[in-house]
């Protein structure tokens, strides 16, 4: 199967975090338009402390209209290496440095209309530093064991997709199963 051809692209919106374009596309004999949100990508990190707990942040998400419990994450700066972005977010949001950072995965958030790719890491051997929150980052930190975090996913308390993916993948890597044992 051949890739479609983009015959024209127009800028619809230019913003601080993302841009929106509209493209005319030809795929075989079919012509159509697509509106695409162009995003630089983001870094996501699962901070695992020596006691086996995971640090997450609870913050208000305007688009969702509620407070969500999430693992630390943030938009990459232009040209920023994803691992460096994850390390930056770890210190900014949680206030720790990692002795070890391991890449777990990367994935598209919603490839039907969004170019954003998330780069997922796990941080261990954590040492305290200090939070470096941005002005609009108003959050609280919570620590949960993997079994507790999995229960929060099952109960619907954790609704954020990157957090669900991150916790399940990091947990599996550390030998924690999402399956209930009782």
Protein backbone atom coordinates (compact mmCIF):
# COMPACT_ATOMS: atom_id res chain seq x y z
CA UNK A 1 0.00 0.00 0.00
CA UNK A 2 1.39 3.40 -0.96
CA UNK A 3 1.43 6.38 1.35
CA UNK A 4 -1.00 9.20 0.58
CA UNK A 5 0.30 12.38 -1.06
CA UNK A 6 -0.13 15.76 0.61
CA UNK A 7 -1.08 18.23 -2.13
CA UNK A 8 -1.40 21.36 0.03
CA UNK A 9 -1.08 22.46 3.65
CA UNK A 10 -2.36 25.60 5.37
CA UNK A 11 -1.62 26.97 8.82
CA UNK A 12 -4.83 27.39 10.82
CA UNK A 13 -3.41 28.32 14.23
CA UNK A 14 0.01 28.90 15.81
CA UNK A 15 0.19 28.58 19.58
CA UNK A 16 2.62 28.27 22.47
CA UNK A 17 2.18 24.50 22.89
CA UNK A 18 0.85 23.37 19.52
CA UNK A 19 -0.07 24.49 16.01
CA UNK A 20 -2.98 23.40 13.84
CA UNK A 21 -2.68 22.75 10.11
CA UNK A 22 -5.13 21.65 7.45
CA UNK A 23 -3.86 19.45 4.65
CA UNK A 24 -5.33 18.33 1.34
CA UNK A 25 -4.50 14.66 0.83
CA UNK A 26 -4.74 12.33 -2.14
CA UNK A 27 -4.73 8.58 -1.54
CA UNK A 28 -5.14 6.61 -4.74
CA UNK A 29 -8.32 8.07 -6.27
CA UNK A 30 -9.65 9.52 -3.00
CA UNK A 31 -9.13 13.17 -2.03
CA UNK A 32 -9.80 14.45 1.48
CA UNK A 33 -8.79 17.06 4.08
CA UNK A 34 -7.27 16.50 7.50
CA UNK A 35 -6.91 18.95 10.37
CA UNK A 36 -3.81 18.05 12.37
CA UNK A 37 -2.59 19.30 15.73
CA UNK A 38 1.20 19.62 15.46
CA UNK A 39 2.98 19.06 18.80
CA UNK A 40 6.72 18.85 19.62
CA UNK A 41 6.28 15.68 21.66
CA UNK A 42 6.50 15.08 25.36
CA UNK A 43 8.50 13.28 27.99
CA UNK A 44 6.87 11.09 30.64
CA UNK A 45 8.60 9.54 33.64
CA UNK A 46 7.64 7.01 36.33
CA UNK A 47 9.58 7.87 39.52
CA UNK A 48 10.10 4.73 41.62
CA UNK A 49 11.50 5.23 45.12
CA UNK A 50 13.62 2.68 47.00
CA UNK A 51 10.59 1.70 49.10
CA UNK A 52 8.77 0.67 45.89
CA UNK A 53 6.37 3.59 45.84
CA UNK A 54 5.66 5.66 42.73
CA UNK A 55 5.35 9.44 42.87
CA UNK A 56 2.44 10.99 41.00
CA UNK A 57 1.05 14.49 40.84
CA UNK A 58 -2.54 15.58 41.29
CA UNK A 59 -3.39 18.70 39.33
CA UNK A 60 -6.38 20.41 37.81
CA UNK A 61 -6.73 19.75 34.08
CA UNK A 62 -8.93 22.36 32.46
CA UNK A 63 -9.74 20.24 29.39
CA UNK A 64 -10.99 17.39 31.61
CA UNK A 65 -12.68 19.78 34.02
CA UNK A 66 -11.27 18.05 37.10
CA UNK A 67 -8.22 17.12 39.12
CA UNK A 68 -6.32 14.17 37.65
CA UNK A 69 -3.68 11.92 39.18
CA UNK A 70 -0.77 11.58 36.76
CA UNK A 71 2.87 10.59 36.49
CA UNK A 72 5.19 13.55 35.77
CA UNK A 73 5.24 14.68 32.15
CA UNK A 74 5.72 17.72 30.02
CA UNK A 75 6.12 19.08 26.53
CA UNK A 76 9.61 18.86 25.08
CA UNK A 77 11.41 22.07 24.29
CA UNK A 78 12.34 22.56 20.64
CA UNK A 79 15.20 20.16 19.84
CA UNK A 80 15.28 18.75 23.39
CA UNK A 81 16.37 15.14 23.84
CA UNK A 82 13.38 13.22 25.29
CA UNK A 83 15.42 11.66 28.11
CA UNK A 84 16.69 15.09 29.15
CA UNK A 85 13.10 16.33 29.06
CA UNK A 86 12.00 13.47 31.32
CA UNK A 87 14.81 14.21 33.78
CA UNK A 88 13.84 17.91 33.75
CA UNK A 89 10.18 17.10 34.43
CA UNK A 90 11.16 14.74 37.27
CA UNK A 91 12.98 17.52 39.12
CA UNK A 92 10.48 20.24 38.22
CA UNK A 93 7.40 18.36 39.39
CA UNK A 94 8.61 15.87 42.03
CA UNK A 95 11.81 17.53 43.27
CA UNK A 96 14.12 14.54 42.85
CA UNK A 97 17.09 13.53 40.73
CA UNK A 98 17.51 10.02 39.36
CA UNK A 99 20.62 7.87 39.58
CA UNK A 100 19.18 5.66 36.85
CA UNK A 101 16.81 6.53 33.99
CA UNK A 102 15.61 3.77 31.68
CA UNK A 103 13.55 4.15 28.51
CA UNK A 104 10.42 2.00 28.59
CA UNK A 105 8.52 2.94 25.43
CA UNK A 106 7.31 5.63 23.10
CA UNK A 107 3.84 5.98 21.68
CA UNK A 108 1.50 8.32 19.84
CA UNK A 109 -1.20 9.89 21.97
CA UNK A 110 -3.96 10.11 19.36
CA UNK A 111 -2.53 9.64 15.85
CA UNK A 112 -5.82 10.32 14.09
CA UNK A 113 -5.34 14.07 14.50
CA UNK A 114 -2.31 14.72 16.74
CA UNK A 115 1.42 14.40 15.95
CA UNK A 116 2.43 14.21 19.63
CA UNK A 117 4.63 11.26 20.54
CA UNK A 118 5.22 10.52 24.21
CA UNK A 119 8.58 9.16 25.34
CA UNK A 120 8.18 7.05 28.50
CA UNK A 121 10.97 6.52 31.04
CA UNK A 122 11.36 5.00 34.50
CA UNK A 123 13.54 6.68 37.13
CA UNK A 124 15.13 4.86 40.07
CA UNK A 125 17.86 5.56 42.64
CA UNK A 126 16.11 8.82 43.48
CA UNK A 127 17.61 11.55 45.66
CA UNK A 128 15.84 14.63 46.96
CA UNK A 129 16.53 18.00 45.34
CA UNK A 130 13.88 20.71 45.10
CA UNK A 131 10.81 21.26 42.99
CA UNK A 132 11.16 23.76 40.16
CA UNK A 133 7.48 24.24 39.32
CA UNK A 134 6.49 26.54 36.50
CA UNK A 135 4.18 29.42 37.44
CA UNK A 136 1.04 27.65 36.23
CA UNK A 137 1.90 24.24 37.74
CA UNK A 138 -0.20 23.94 40.87
CA UNK A 139 -0.04 20.38 42.09
CA UNK A 140 0.33 18.03 45.02
CA UNK A 141 2.53 14.93 45.13
CA UNK A 142 1.19 11.53 46.13
CA UNK A 143 3.12 8.31 46.56
CA UNK A 144 1.52 4.91 46.05
CA UNK A 145 2.77 1.33 45.86
CA UNK A 146 2.23 -0.44 42.55
CA UNK A 147 -0.64 -2.54 43.95
CA UNK A 148 -2.30 0.67 45.23
CA UNK A 149 -1.70 2.42 41.89
CA UNK A 150 -3.22 -0.53 40.03
CA UNK A 151 -6.26 -0.36 42.32
CA UNK A 152 -6.56 3.37 41.49
CA UNK A 153 -6.59 2.46 37.78
CA UNK A 154 -9.22 -0.25 38.31
CA UNK A 155 -11.45 2.07 40.37
CA UNK A 156 -11.31 4.83 37.76
CA UNK A 157 -9.39 7.23 40.03
CA UNK A 158 -6.57 7.24 37.46
CA UNK A 159 -8.10 8.26 34.12
CA UNK A 160 -5.03 9.59 32.32
CA UNK A 161 -3.84 7.29 29.52
CA UNK A 162 -0.10 8.05 29.80
CA UNK A 163 -0.27 7.30 33.52
CA UNK A 164 -2.08 4.00 32.99
CA UNK A 165 0.44 2.95 30.31
CA UNK A 166 3.41 4.14 32.38
CA UNK A 167 2.35 2.45 35.60
CA UNK A 168 1.49 -0.83 33.92
CA UNK A 169 4.70 -0.98 31.89
CA UNK A 170 7.01 0.12 34.73
CA UNK A 171 5.20 -2.18 37.15
CA UNK A 172 5.60 -5.15 34.82
CA UNK A 173 9.28 -4.35 34.38
CA UNK A 174 9.67 -4.45 38.17
CA UNK A 175 7.72 -7.71 38.52
CA UNK A 176 4.32 -6.29 39.53
CA UNK A 177 1.31 -7.81 37.84
CA UNK A 178 -1.85 -5.84 37.08
CA UNK A 179 -3.88 -9.03 37.47
CA UNK A 180 -5.58 -9.33 40.83
CA UNK A 181 -4.07 -12.04 43.02
CA UNK A 182 -7.20 -12.55 45.13
